[in-house]
Amino acid sequence: MAKKITIVEDEEILRDLLKNKLTAEGYEVSTANDGEEGITRIKQERPDLIILDIVMPKMGGFEVMEELNKDEELAKIPVLVVSNSGQPVEIDKAKSLGAKDWLIKTEFDPQEVIDKVKNQIG
């Protein structure tokens, strides 16, 4: 059975790129445009991995992780953070909220995403 990934990202081009790349690798992928929609999808679908943007409308990535941490089961889902910022203070905050890994939008290529996903969930 395919592993499920939920992408929570407000940039449509990046969201579609990631979805297409991961789908081609055999993952079952759902997407959300903002943090609120992301929380709803994550609660419904219980994915194996979450790819999460930090700066989004309605609810940002840090708030999403805080929300997930309120639920014991959801808190166990590995989170890959995707952000425009590589500031150590942000990375530390994301890690303290349970993020497993970090990608900087301007620096990563899609293959790096695949590698990090495989590293987390096979």
PDB file of N, CA and C in Angstrom:
ATOM      1  N   MET A   1       0.837  -1.192   0.000  1.00  0.00           N
ATOM      2  CA  MET A   1       0.000   0.000   0.000  1.00  0.00           C
ATOM      3  C   MET A   1       0.882   1.255   0.000  1.00  0.00           C
ATOM      4  N   ALA A   2       0.490   2.229  -0.780  1.00  0.00           N
ATOM      5  CA  ALA A   2       1.296   3.444  -0.917  1.00  0.00           C
ATOM      6  C   ALA A   2       1.298   4.247   0.377  1.00  0.00           C
ATOM      7  N   LYS A   3       2.449   4.813   0.696  1.00  0.00           N
ATOM      8  CA  LYS A   3       2.546   5.714   1.849  1.00  0.00           C
ATOM      9  C   LYS A   3       1.871   7.037   1.481  1.00  0.00           C
ATOM     10  N   LYS A   4       1.210   7.629   2.475  1.00  0.00           N
ATOM     11  CA  LYS A   4       0.470   8.873   2.232  1.00  0.00           C
ATOM     12  C   LYS A   4       1.254  10.084   2.721  1.00  0.00           C
ATOM     13  N   ILE A   5       1.243  11.118   1.884  1.00  0.00           N
ATOM     14  CA  ILE A   5       1.922  12.369   2.221  1.00  0.00           C
ATOM     15  C   ILE A   5       0.926  13.509   2.050  1.00  0.00           C
ATOM     16  N   THR A   6       0.893  14.417   3.012  1.00  0.00           N
ATOM     17  CA  THR A   6       0.096  15.632   2.881  1.00  0.00           C
ATOM     18  C   THR A   6       1.052  16.811   2.750  1.00  0.00           C
ATOM     19  N   ILE A   7       0.877  17.580   1.667  1.00  0.00           N
ATOM     20  CA  ILE A   7       1.682  18.781   1.432  1.00  0.00           C
ATOM     21  C   ILE A   7       0.838  19.993   1.813  1.00  0.00           C
ATOM     22  N   VAL A   8       1.343  20.799   2.736  1.00  0.00           N
ATOM     23  CA  VAL A   8       0.653  22.015   3.150  1.00  0.00           C
ATOM     24  C   VAL A   8       1.539  23.186   2.707  1.00  0.00           C
ATOM     25  N   GLU A   9       1.143  23.829   1.609  1.00  0.00           N
ATOM     26  CA  GLU A   9       1.983  24.830   0.954  1.00  0.00           C
ATOM     27  C   GLU A   9       1.096  25.790   0.183  1.00  0.00           C
ATOM     28  N   ASP A  10       1.285  27.100   0.374  1.00  0.00           N
ATOM     29  CA  ASP A  10       0.417  28.062  -0.302  1.00  0.00           C
ATOM     30  C   ASP A  10       0.910  28.463  -1.692  1.00  0.00           C
ATOM     31  N   GLU A  11       2.150  28.136  -2.042  1.00  0.00           N
ATOM     32  CA  GLU A  11       2.641  28.458  -3.391  1.00  0.00           C
ATOM     33  C   GLU A  11       2.246  27.335  -4.341  1.00  0.00           C
ATOM     34  N   GLU A  12       1.316  27.640  -5.234  1.00  0.00           N
ATOM     35  CA  GLU A  12       0.733  26.619  -6.107  1.00  0.00           C
ATOM     36  C   GLU A  12       1.779  25.907  -6.967  1.00  0.00           C
ATOM     37  N   ILE A  13       2.712  26.656  -7.540  1.00  0.00           N
ATOM     38  CA  ILE A  13       3.718  26.053  -8.432  1.00  0.00           C
ATOM     39  C   ILE A  13       4.556  25.025  -7.673  1.00  0.00           C
ATOM     40  N   LEU A  14       5.014  25.401  -6.498  1.00  0.00           N
ATOM     41  CA  LEU A  14       5.822  24.482  -5.693  1.00  0.00           C
ATOM     42  C   LEU A  14       4.995  23.293  -5.222  1.00  0.00           C
ATOM     43  N   ARG A  15       3.768  23.562  -4.786  1.00  0.00           N
ATOM     44  CA  ARG A  15       2.877  22.492  -4.316  1.00  0.00           C
ATOM     45  C   ARG A  15       2.661  21.460  -5.427  1.00  0.00           C
ATOM     46  N   ASP A  16       2.364  21.942  -6.636  1.00  0.00           N
ATOM     47  CA  ASP A  16       2.121  21.022  -7.756  1.00  0.00           C
ATOM     48  C   ASP A  16       3.388  20.259  -8.140  1.00  0.00           C
ATOM     49  N   LEU A  17       4.523  20.951  -8.127  1.00  0.00           N
ATOM     50  CA  LEU A  17       5.800  20.307  -8.450  1.00  0.00           C
ATOM     51  C   LEU A  17       6.079  19.156  -7.481  1.00  0.00           C
ATOM     52  N   LEU A  18       5.923  19.436  -6.194  1.00  0.00           N
ATOM     53  CA  LEU A  18       6.166  18.406  -5.177  1.00  0.00           C
ATOM     54  C   LEU A  18       5.181  17.254  -5.316  1.00  0.00           C
ATOM     55  N   LYS A  19       3.913  17.597  -5.518  1.00  0.00           N
ATOM     56  CA  LYS A  19       2.887  16.557  -5.658  1.00  0.00           C
ATOM     57  C   LYS A  19       3.201  15.644  -6.843  1.00  0.00           C
ATOM     58  N   ASN A  20       3.525  16.245  -7.995  1.00  0.00           N
ATOM     59  CA  ASN A  20       3.811  15.447  -9.197  1.00  0.00           C
ATOM     60  C   ASN A  20       5.035  14.561  -9.002  1.00  0.00           C
ATOM     61  N   LYS A  21       6.075  15.116  -8.397  1.00  0.00           N
ATOM     62  CA  LYS A  21       7.311  14.371  -8.175  1.00  0.00           C
ATOM     63  C   LYS A  21       7.074  13.185  -7.223  1.00  0.00           C
ATOM     64  N   LEU A  22       6.357  13.448  -6.131  1.00  0.00           N
ATOM     65  CA  LEU A  22       6.104  12.388  -5.144  1.00  0.00           C
ATOM     66  C   LEU A  22       5.130  11.335  -5.664  1.00  0.00           C
ATOM     67  N   THR A  23       4.129  11.772  -6.431  1.00  0.00           N
ATOM     68  CA  THR A  23       3.184  10.830  -7.031  1.00  0.00           C
ATOM     69  C   THR A  23       3.918   9.896  -7.992  1.00  0.00           C
ATOM     70  N   ALA A  24       4.849  10.470  -8.767  1.00  0.00           N
ATOM     71  CA  ALA A  24       5.648   9.679  -9.711  1.00  0.00           C
ATOM     72  C   ALA A  24       6.513   8.646  -8.985  1.00  0.00           C
ATOM     73  N   GLU A  25       6.858   8.944  -7.735  1.00  0.00           N
ATOM     74  CA  GLU A  25       7.658   8.012  -6.916  1.00  0.00           C
ATOM     75  C   GLU A  25       6.787   6.948  -6.249  1.00  0.00           C
ATOM     76  N   GLY A  26       5.468   7.038  -6.447  1.00  0.00           N
ATOM     77  CA  GLY A  26       4.575   6.011  -5.915  1.00  0.00           C
ATOM     78  C   GLY A  26       3.884   6.362  -4.606  1.00  0.00           C
ATOM     79  N   TYR A  27       4.029   7.606  -4.160  1.00  0.00           N
ATOM     80  CA  TYR A  27       3.344   8.025  -2.934  1.00  0.00           C
ATOM     81  C   TYR A  27       1.939   8.513  -3.261  1.00  0.00           C
ATOM     82  N   GLU A  28       1.048   8.377  -2.285  1.00  0.00           N
ATOM     83  CA  GLU A  28      -0.307   8.908  -2.398  1.00  0.00           C
ATOM     84  C   GLU A  28      -0.261  10.306  -1.767  1.00  0.00           C
ATOM     85  N   VAL A  29      -0.550  11.339  -2.566  1.00  0.00           N
ATOM     86  CA  VAL A  29      -0.331  12.706  -2.112  1.00  0.00           C
ATOM     87  C   VAL A  29      -1.616  13.518  -2.085  1.00  0.00           C
ATOM     88  N   SER A  30      -1.842  14.222  -0.977  1.00  0.00           N
ATOM     89  CA  SER A  30      -2.933  15.192  -0.917  1.00  0.00           C
ATOM     90  C   SER A  30      -2.303  16.540  -0.595  1.00  0.00           C
ATOM     91  N   THR A  31      -3.028  17.613  -0.922  1.00  0.00           N
ATOM     92  CA  THR A  31      -2.460  18.943  -0.708  1.00  0.00           C
ATOM     93  C   THR A  31      -3.452  19.852   0.001  1.00  0.00           C
ATOM     94  N   ALA A  32      -2.898  20.883   0.628  1.00  0.00           N
ATOM     95  CA  ALA A  32      -3.701  21.927   1.263  1.00  0.00           C
ATOM     96  C   ALA A  32      -3.023  23.264   0.977  1.00  0.00           C
ATOM     97  N   ASN A  33      -3.837  24.320   0.839  1.00  0.00           N
ATOM     98  CA  ASN A  33      -3.328  25.647   0.474  1.00  0.00           C
ATOM     99  C   ASN A  33      -2.918  26.489   1.664  1.00  0.00           C
ATOM    100  N   ASP A  34      -3.367  26.126   2.861  1.00  0.00           N
ATOM    101  CA  ASP A  34      -3.027  26.906   4.048  1.00  0.00           C
ATOM    102  C   ASP A  34      -3.077  25.995   5.270  1.00  0.00           C
ATOM    103  N   GLY A  35      -2.650  26.552   6.409  1.00  0.00           N
ATOM    104  CA  GLY A  35      -2.556  25.748   7.625  1.00  0.00           C
ATOM    105  C   GLY A  35      -3.874  25.188   8.118  1.00  0.00           C
ATOM    106  N   GLU A  36      -4.938  25.986   8.021  1.00  0.00           N
ATOM    107  CA  GLU A  36      -6.253  25.508   8.490  1.00  0.00           C
ATOM    108  C   GLU A  36      -6.709  24.300   7.677  1.00  0.00           C
ATOM    109  N   GLU A  37      -6.620  24.419   6.344  1.00  0.00           N
ATOM    110  CA  GLU A  37      -6.997  23.302   5.481  1.00  0.00           C
ATOM    111  C   GLU A  37      -6.070  22.116   5.733  1.00  0.00           C
ATOM    112  N   GLY A  38      -4.798  22.424   5.986  1.00  0.00           N
ATOM    113  CA  GLY A  38      -3.825  21.367   6.265  1.00  0.00           C
ATOM    114  C   GLY A  38      -4.201  20.550   7.489  1.00  0.00           C
ATOM    115  N   ILE A  39      -4.556  21.232   8.576  1.00  0.00           N
ATOM    116  CA  ILE A  39      -4.963  20.539   9.805  1.00  0.00           C
ATOM    117  C   ILE A  39      -6.161  19.628   9.527  1.00  0.00           C
ATOM    118  N   THR A  40      -7.138  20.146   8.805  1.00  0.00           N
ATOM    119  CA  THR A  40      -8.334  19.355   8.475  1.00  0.00           C
ATOM    120  C   THR A  40      -7.946  18.095   7.704  1.00  0.00           C
ATOM    121  N   ARG A  41      -7.118  18.265   6.658  1.00  0.00           N
ATOM    122  CA  ARG A  41      -6.695  17.107   5.848  1.00  0.00           C
ATOM    123  C   ARG A  41      -5.900  16.100   6.681  1.00  0.00           C
ATOM    124  N   ILE A  42      -4.984  16.604   7.486  1.00  0.00           N
ATOM    125  CA  ILE A  42      -4.137  15.722   8.297  1.00  0.00           C
ATOM    126  C   ILE A  42      -4.994  14.913   9.261  1.00  0.00           C
ATOM    127  N   LYS A  43      -5.979  15.547   9.885  1.00  0.00           N
ATOM    128  CA  LYS A  43      -6.855  14.835  10.820  1.00  0.00           C
ATOM    129  C   LYS A  43      -7.691  13.784  10.095  1.00  0.00           C
ATOM    130  N   GLN A  44      -8.149  14.097   8.867  1.00  0.00           N
ATOM    131  CA  GLN A  44      -8.970  13.154   8.100  1.00  0.00           C
ATOM    132  C   GLN A  44      -8.133  12.000   7.566  1.00  0.00           C
ATOM    133  N   GLU A  45      -6.953  12.319   7.031  1.00  0.00           N
ATOM    134  CA  GLU A  45      -6.198  11.340   6.252  1.00  0.00           C
ATOM    135  C   GLU A  45      -5.113  10.607   7.021  1.00  0.00           C
ATOM    136  N   ARG A  46      -4.686  11.168   8.158  1.00  0.00           N
ATOM    137  CA  ARG A  46      -3.618  10.543   8.946  1.00  0.00           C
ATOM    138  C   ARG A  46      -2.457  10.108   8.046  1.00  0.00           C
ATOM    139  N   PRO A  47      -1.779  11.063   7.390  1.00  0.00           N
ATOM    140  CA  PRO A  47      -0.702  10.691   6.460  1.00  0.00           C
ATOM    141  C   PRO A  47       0.515  10.112   7.188  1.00  0.00           C
ATOM    142  N   ASP A  48       1.408   9.498   6.415  1.00  0.00           N
ATOM    143  CA  ASP A  48       2.645   8.945   6.963  1.00  0.00           C
ATOM    144  C   ASP A  48       3.697  10.035   7.128  1.00  0.00           C
ATOM    145  N   LEU A  49       3.520  11.149   6.384  1.00  0.00           N
ATOM    146  CA  LEU A  49       4.482  12.249   6.413  1.00  0.00           C
ATOM    147  C   LEU A  49       3.767  13.538   6.023  1.00  0.00           C
ATOM    148  N   ILE A  50       4.232  14.652   6.597  1.00  0.00           N
ATOM    149  CA  ILE A  50       3.685  15.966   6.259  1.00  0.00           C
ATOM    150  C   ILE A  50       4.829  16.837   5.739  1.00  0.00           C
ATOM    151  N   ILE A  51       4.611  17.475   4.591  1.00  0.00           N
ATOM    152  CA  ILE A  51       5.541  18.490   4.088  1.00  0.00           C
ATOM    153  C   ILE A  51       4.854  19.818   4.350  1.00  0.00           C
ATOM    154  N   LEU A  52       5.499  20.667   5.143  1.00  0.00           N
ATOM    155  CA  LEU A  52       4.828  21.832   5.708  1.00  0.00           C
ATOM    156  C   LEU A  52       5.589  23.123   5.470  1.00  0.00           C
ATOM    157  N   ASP A  53       4.899  24.097   4.876  1.00  0.00           N
ATOM    158  CA  ASP A  53       5.446  25.441   4.723  1.00  0.00           C
ATOM    159  C   ASP A  53       5.294  26.156   6.065  1.00  0.00           C
ATOM    160  N   ILE A  54       6.126  27.169   6.312  1.00  0.00           N
ATOM    161  CA  ILE A  54       6.027  27.914   7.567  1.00  0.00           C
ATOM    162  C   ILE A  54       5.144  29.153   7.412  1.00  0.00           C
ATOM    163  N   VAL A  55       5.392  29.945   6.362  1.00  0.00           N
ATOM    164  CA  VAL A  55       4.643  31.190   6.181  1.00  0.00           C
ATOM    165  C   VAL A  55       3.483  30.948   5.214  1.00  0.00           C
ATOM    166  N   MET A  56       2.255  30.949   5.767  1.00  0.00           N
ATOM    167  CA  MET A  56       1.051  30.705   4.966  1.00  0.00           C
ATOM    168  C   MET A  56      -0.086  31.556   5.506  1.00  0.00           C
ATOM    169  N   PRO A  57      -1.113  31.766   4.665  1.00  0.00           N
ATOM    170  CA  PRO A  57      -2.292  32.482   5.169  1.00  0.00           C
ATOM    171  C   PRO A  57      -3.067  31.642   6.193  1.00  0.00           C
ATOM    172  N   LYS A  58      -3.878  32.300   6.967  1.00  0.00           N
ATOM    173  CA  LYS A  58      -4.782  31.716   7.972  1.00  0.00           C
ATOM    174  C   LYS A  58      -4.060  31.092   9.164  1.00  0.00           C
ATOM    175  N   MET A  59      -3.151  30.167   8.899  1.00  0.00           N
ATOM    176  CA  MET A  59      -2.427  29.500   9.980  1.00  0.00           C
ATOM    177  C   MET A  59      -1.067  29.079   9.446  1.00  0.00           C
ATOM    178  N   GLY A  60       0.000  29.531  10.090  1.00  0.00           N
ATOM    179  CA  GLY A  60       1.344  29.195   9.636  1.00  0.00           C
ATOM    180  C   GLY A  60       1.791  27.814  10.089  1.00  0.00           C
ATOM    181  N   GLY A  61       2.944  27.414   9.605  1.00  0.00           N
ATOM    182  CA  GLY A  61       3.469  26.085   9.905  1.00  0.00           C
ATOM    183  C   GLY A  61       3.748  25.832  11.371  1.00  0.00           C
ATOM    184  N   PHE A  62       4.261  26.864  12.078  1.00  0.00           N
ATOM    185  CA  PHE A  62       4.515  26.662  13.512  1.00  0.00           C
ATOM    186  C   PHE A  62       3.212  26.384  14.247  1.00  0.00           C
ATOM    187  N   GLU A  63       2.154  27.136  13.888  1.00  0.00           N
ATOM    188  CA  GLU A  63       0.844  26.915  14.527  1.00  0.00           C
ATOM    189  C   GLU A  63       0.298  25.530  14.182  1.00  0.00           C
ATOM    190  N   VAL A  64       0.527  25.093  12.941  1.00  0.00           N
ATOM    191  CA  VAL A  64       0.089  23.748  12.544  1.00  0.00           C
ATOM    192  C   VAL A  64       0.783  22.704  13.419  1.00  0.00           C
ATOM    193  N   MET A  65       2.099  22.847  13.595  1.00  0.00           N
ATOM    194  CA  MET A  65       2.825  21.870  14.421  1.00  0.00           C
ATOM    195  C   MET A  65       2.358  21.914  15.876  1.00  0.00           C
ATOM    196  N   GLU A  66       2.089  23.110  16.388  1.00  0.00           N
ATOM    197  CA  GLU A  66       1.568  23.211  17.761  1.00  0.00           C
ATOM    198  C   GLU A  66       0.227  22.488  17.880  1.00  0.00           C
ATOM    199  N   GLU A  67      -0.617  22.637  16.864  1.00  0.00           N
ATOM    200  CA  GLU A  67      -1.926  21.976  16.842  1.00  0.00           C
ATOM    201  C   GLU A  67      -1.752  20.451  16.788  1.00  0.00           C
ATOM    202  N   LEU A  68      -0.850  19.977  15.927  1.00  0.00           N
ATOM    203  CA  LEU A  68      -0.607  18.530  15.809  1.00  0.00           C
ATOM    204  C   LEU A  68      -0.101  17.960  17.130  1.00  0.00           C
ATOM    205  N   ASN A  69       0.714  18.731  17.838  1.00  0.00           N
ATOM    206  CA  ASN A  69       1.297  18.250  19.094  1.00  0.00           C
ATOM    207  C   ASN A  69       0.274  18.075  20.205  1.00  0.00           C
ATOM    208  N   LYS A  70      -0.931  18.620  20.016  1.00  0.00           N
ATOM    209  CA  LYS A  70      -1.997  18.445  21.012  1.00  0.00           C
ATOM    210  C   LYS A  70      -2.616  17.049  20.925  1.00  0.00           C
ATOM    211  N   ASP A  71      -2.375  16.356  19.822  1.00  0.00           N
ATOM    212  CA  ASP A  71      -2.938  15.022  19.592  1.00  0.00           C
ATOM    213  C   ASP A  71      -1.788  14.015  19.552  1.00  0.00           C
ATOM    214  N   GLU A  72      -1.820  13.063  20.451  1.00  0.00           N
ATOM    215  CA  GLU A  72      -0.730  12.098  20.583  1.00  0.00           C
ATOM    216  C   GLU A  72      -0.410  11.376  19.274  1.00  0.00           C
ATOM    217  N   GLU A  73      -1.454  10.959  18.549  1.00  0.00           N
ATOM    218  CA  GLU A  73      -1.248  10.234  17.292  1.00  0.00           C
ATOM    219  C   GLU A  73      -0.677  11.152  16.205  1.00  0.00           C
ATOM    220  N   LEU A  74      -1.266  12.348  16.070  1.00  0.00           N
ATOM    221  CA  LEU A  74      -0.809  13.282  15.032  1.00  0.00           C
ATOM    222  C   LEU A  74       0.616  13.764  15.313  1.00  0.00           C
ATOM    223  N   ALA A  75       0.974  13.862  16.577  1.00  0.00           N
ATOM    224  CA  ALA A  75       2.313  14.329  16.955  1.00  0.00           C
ATOM    225  C   ALA A  75       3.409  13.360  16.491  1.00  0.00           C
ATOM    226  N   LYS A  76       3.033  12.108  16.218  1.00  0.00           N
ATOM    227  CA  LYS A  76       4.005  11.092  15.796  1.00  0.00           C
ATOM    228  C   LYS A  76       4.334  11.178  14.308  1.00  0.00           C
ATOM    229  N   ILE A  77       3.513  11.901  13.531  1.00  0.00           N
ATOM    230  CA  ILE A  77       3.729  11.968  12.076  1.00  0.00           C
ATOM    231  C   ILE A  77       4.959  12.828  11.792  1.00  0.00           C
ATOM    232  N   PRO A  78       5.942  12.299  11.033  1.00  0.00           N
ATOM    233  CA  PRO A  78       7.123  13.113  10.729  1.00  0.00           C
ATOM    234  C   PRO A  78       6.761  14.322   9.863  1.00  0.00           C
ATOM    235  N   VAL A  79       7.382  15.455  10.173  1.00  0.00           N
ATOM    236  CA  VAL A  79       7.144  16.698   9.443  1.00  0.00           C
ATOM    237  C   VAL A  79       8.442  17.155   8.777  1.00  0.00           C
ATOM    238  N   LEU A  80       8.366  17.412   7.466  1.00  0.00           N
ATOM    239  CA  LEU A  80       9.464  18.046   6.730  1.00  0.00           C
ATOM    240  C   LEU A  80       9.048  19.493   6.522  1.00  0.00           C
ATOM    241  N   VAL A  81       9.815  20.425   7.026  1.00  0.00           N
ATOM    242  CA  VAL A  81       9.479  21.835   6.887  1.00  0.00           C
ATOM    243  C   VAL A  81      10.119  22.386   5.612  1.00  0.00           C
ATOM    244  N   VAL A  82       9.327  23.172   4.863  1.00  0.00           N
ATOM    245  CA  VAL A  82       9.819  23.853   3.669  1.00  0.00           C
ATOM    246  C   VAL A  82       9.626  25.346   3.921  1.00  0.00           C
ATOM    247  N   SER A  83      10.709  26.107   3.816  1.00  0.00           N
ATOM    248  CA  SER A  83      10.583  27.529   4.106  1.00  0.00           C
ATOM    249  C   SER A  83      11.541  28.358   3.264  1.00  0.00           C
ATOM    250  N   ASN A  84      11.230  29.634   3.144  1.00  0.00           N
ATOM    251  CA  ASN A  84      12.140  30.561   2.458  1.00  0.00           C
ATOM    252  C   ASN A  84      13.311  30.933   3.343  1.00  0.00           C
ATOM    253  N   SER A  85      13.174  30.714   4.633  1.00  0.00           N
ATOM    254  CA  SER A  85      14.194  31.141   5.583  1.00  0.00           C
ATOM    255  C   SER A  85      15.011  29.965   6.078  1.00  0.00           C
ATOM    256  N   GLY A  86      16.303  30.172   6.167  1.00  0.00           N
ATOM    257  CA  GLY A  86      17.156  29.147   6.756  1.00  0.00           C
ATOM    258  C   GLY A  86      17.728  29.651   8.065  1.00  0.00           C
ATOM    259  N   GLN A  87      17.037  30.610   8.695  1.00  0.00           N
ATOM    260  CA  GLN A  87      17.524  31.191   9.944  1.00  0.00           C
ATOM    261  C   GLN A  87      17.596  30.113  11.033  1.00  0.00           C
ATOM    262  N   PRO A  88      18.754  30.011  11.701  1.00  0.00           N
ATOM    263  CA  PRO A  88      18.899  28.996  12.765  1.00  0.00           C
ATOM    264  C   PRO A  88      17.793  29.090  13.816  1.00  0.00           C
ATOM    265  N   VAL A  89      17.349  30.291  14.166  1.00  0.00           N
ATOM    266  CA  VAL A  89      16.304  30.430  15.183  1.00  0.00           C
ATOM    267  C   VAL A  89      14.996  29.780  14.711  1.00  0.00           C
ATOM    268  N   GLU A  90      14.686  29.919  13.423  1.00  0.00           N
ATOM    269  CA  GLU A  90      13.476  29.269  12.883  1.00  0.00           C
ATOM    270  C   GLU A  90      13.645  27.761  12.823  1.00  0.00           C
ATOM    271  N   ILE A  91      14.808  27.313  12.380  1.00  0.00           N
ATOM    272  CA  ILE A  91      15.065  25.878  12.300  1.00  0.00           C
ATOM    273  C   ILE A  91      14.965  25.261  13.698  1.00  0.00           C
ATOM    274  N   ASP A  92      15.562  25.936  14.686  1.00  0.00           N
ATOM    275  CA  ASP A  92      15.497  25.429  16.061  1.00  0.00           C
ATOM    276  C   ASP A  92      14.057  25.364  16.560  1.00  0.00           C
ATOM    277  N   LYS A  93      13.265  26.390  16.254  1.00  0.00           N
ATOM    278  CA  LYS A  93      11.869  26.408  16.682  1.00  0.00           C
ATOM    279  C   LYS A  93      11.108  25.246  16.034  1.00  0.00           C
ATOM    280  N   ALA A  94      11.317  25.053  14.730  1.00  0.00           N
ATOM    281  CA  ALA A  94      10.644  23.957  14.022  1.00  0.00           C
ATOM    282  C   ALA A  94      11.033  22.612  14.629  1.00  0.00           C
ATOM    283  N   LYS A  95      12.319  22.439  14.893  1.00  0.00           N
ATOM    284  CA  LYS A  95      12.777  21.173  15.482  1.00  0.00           C
ATOM    285  C   LYS A  95      12.205  20.980  16.883  1.00  0.00           C
ATOM    286  N   SER A  96      12.106  22.074  17.649  1.00  0.00           N
ATOM    287  CA  SER A  96      11.556  21.948  18.999  1.00  0.00           C
ATOM    288  C   SER A  96      10.080  21.557  18.952  1.00  0.00           C
ATOM    289  N   LEU A  97       9.409  21.894  17.844  1.00  0.00           N
ATOM    290  CA  LEU A  97       8.000  21.521  17.669  1.00  0.00           C
ATOM    291  C   LEU A  97       7.852  20.147  17.019  1.00  0.00           C
ATOM    292  N   GLY A  98       8.979  19.512  16.705  1.00  0.00           N
ATOM    293  CA  GLY A  98       8.918  18.138  16.203  1.00  0.00           C
ATOM    294  C   GLY A  98       9.275  17.945  14.749  1.00  0.00           C
ATOM    295  N   ALA A  99       9.686  18.998  14.047  1.00  0.00           N
ATOM    296  CA  ALA A  99      10.075  18.833  12.635  1.00  0.00           C
ATOM    297  C   ALA A  99      11.275  17.897  12.555  1.00  0.00           C
ATOM    298  N   LYS A 100      11.250  16.976  11.586  1.00  0.00           N
ATOM    299  CA  LYS A 100      12.330  16.003  11.429  1.00  0.00           C
ATOM    300  C   LYS A 100      13.431  16.513  10.515  1.00  0.00           C
ATOM    301  N   ASP A 101      13.059  17.403   9.590  1.00  0.00           N
ATOM    302  CA  ASP A 101      14.037  17.884   8.624  1.00  0.00           C
ATOM    303  C   ASP A 101      13.560  19.215   8.068  1.00  0.00           C
ATOM    304  N   TRP A 102      14.437  19.879   7.315  1.00  0.00           N
ATOM    305  CA  TRP A 102      14.204  21.249   6.881  1.00  0.00           C
ATOM    306  C   TRP A 102      14.705  21.419   5.452  1.00  0.00           C
ATOM    307  N   LEU A 103      13.920  22.069   4.611  1.00  0.00           N
ATOM    308  CA  LEU A 103      14.333  22.399   3.243  1.00  0.00           C
ATOM    309  C   LEU A 103      14.152  23.888   3.026  1.00  0.00           C
ATOM    310  N   ILE A 104      15.130  24.522   2.395  1.00  0.00           N
ATOM    311  CA  ILE A 104      15.007  25.934   2.078  1.00  0.00           C
ATOM    312  C   ILE A 104      14.593  26.035   0.611  1.00  0.00           C
ATOM    313  N   LYS A 105      13.451  26.705   0.369  1.00  0.00           N
ATOM    314  CA  LYS A 105      12.839  26.737  -0.964  1.00  0.00           C
ATOM    315  C   LYS A 105      13.801  27.131  -2.072  1.00  0.00           C
ATOM    316  N   THR A 106      14.603  28.149  -1.826  1.00  0.00           N
ATOM    317  CA  THR A 106      15.468  28.652  -2.890  1.00  0.00           C
ATOM    318  C   THR A 106      16.648  27.731  -3.171  1.00  0.00           C
ATOM    319  N   GLU A 107      16.903  26.776  -2.284  1.00  0.00           N
ATOM    320  CA  GLU A 107      18.112  25.963  -2.412  1.00  0.00           C
ATOM    321  C   GLU A 107      17.889  24.493  -2.753  1.00  0.00           C
ATOM    322  N   PHE A 108      16.678  23.984  -2.550  1.00  0.00           N
ATOM    323  CA  PHE A 108      16.524  22.544  -2.757  1.00  0.00           C
ATOM    324  C   PHE A 108      16.077  22.219  -4.182  1.00  0.00           C
ATOM    325  N   ASP A 109      16.415  21.014  -4.608  1.00  0.00           N
ATOM    326  CA  ASP A 109      15.852  20.531  -5.860  1.00  0.00           C
ATOM    327  C   ASP A 109      14.906  19.388  -5.516  1.00  0.00           C
ATOM    328  N   PRO A 110      13.971  19.088  -6.431  1.00  0.00           N
ATOM    329  CA  PRO A 110      12.963  18.062  -6.120  1.00  0.00           C
ATOM    330  C   PRO A 110      13.554  16.721  -5.690  1.00  0.00           C
ATOM    331  N   GLN A 111      14.712  16.347  -6.235  1.00  0.00           N
ATOM    332  CA  GLN A 111      15.317  15.067  -5.850  1.00  0.00           C
ATOM    333  C   GLN A 111      15.694  15.057  -4.370  1.00  0.00           C
ATOM    334  N   GLU A 112      16.106  16.217  -3.865  1.00  0.00           N
ATOM    335  CA  GLU A 112      16.448  16.324  -2.443  1.00  0.00           C
ATOM    336  C   GLU A 112      15.216  16.044  -1.585  1.00  0.00           C
ATOM    337  N   VAL A 113      14.057  16.531  -2.048  1.00  0.00           N
ATOM    338  CA  VAL A 113      12.803  16.272  -1.331  1.00  0.00           C
ATOM    339  C   VAL A 113      12.538  14.767  -1.291  1.00  0.00           C
ATOM    340  N   ILE A 114      12.666  14.114  -2.443  1.00  0.00           N
ATOM    341  CA  ILE A 114      12.454  12.663  -2.524  1.00  0.00           C
ATOM    342  C   ILE A 114      13.394  11.943  -1.549  1.00  0.00           C
ATOM    343  N   ASP A 115      14.666  12.352  -1.544  1.00  0.00           N
ATOM    344  CA  ASP A 115      15.641  11.707  -0.653  1.00  0.00           C
ATOM    345  C   ASP A 115      15.254  11.878   0.810  1.00  0.00           C
ATOM    346  N   LYS A 116      14.827  13.084   1.170  1.00  0.00           N
ATOM    347  CA  LYS A 116      14.467  13.339   2.569  1.00  0.00           C
ATOM    348  C   LYS A 116      13.186  12.570   2.955  1.00  0.00           C
ATOM    349  N   VAL A 117      12.243  12.482   2.024  1.00  0.00           N
ATOM    350  CA  VAL A 117      11.014  11.720   2.271  1.00  0.00           C
ATOM    351  C   VAL A 117      11.352  10.248   2.484  1.00  0.00           C
ATOM    352  N   LYS A 118      12.178   9.690   1.589  1.00  0.00           N
ATOM    353  CA  LYS A 118      12.561   8.282   1.707  1.00  0.00           C
ATOM    354  C   LYS A 118      13.313   8.034   3.001  1.00  0.00           C
ATOM    355  N   ASN A 119      14.108   8.993   3.395  1.00  0.00           N
ATOM    356  CA  ASN A 119      14.852   8.907   4.638  1.00  0.00           C
ATOM    357  C   ASN A 119      13.911   8.781   5.844  1.00  0.00           C
ATOM    358  N   GLN A 120      12.765   9.445   5.774  1.00  0.00           N
ATOM    359  CA  GLN A 120      11.807   9.430   6.881  1.00  0.00           C
ATOM    360  C   GLN A 120      10.848   8.245   6.835  1.00  0.00           C
ATOM    361  N   ILE A 121      10.302   7.940   5.655  1.00  0.00           N
ATOM    362  CA  ILE A 121       9.240   6.913   5.610  1.00  0.00           C
ATOM    363  C   ILE A 121       9.480   5.787   4.603  1.00  0.00           C
ATOM    364  N   GLY A 122      10.636   5.796   3.938  1.00  0.00           N
ATOM    365  CA  GLY A 122      10.960   4.699   3.020  1.00  0.00           C
ATOM    366  C   GLY A 122      10.335   4.862   1.661  1.00  0.00           C
TER     367      GLY A 122
END
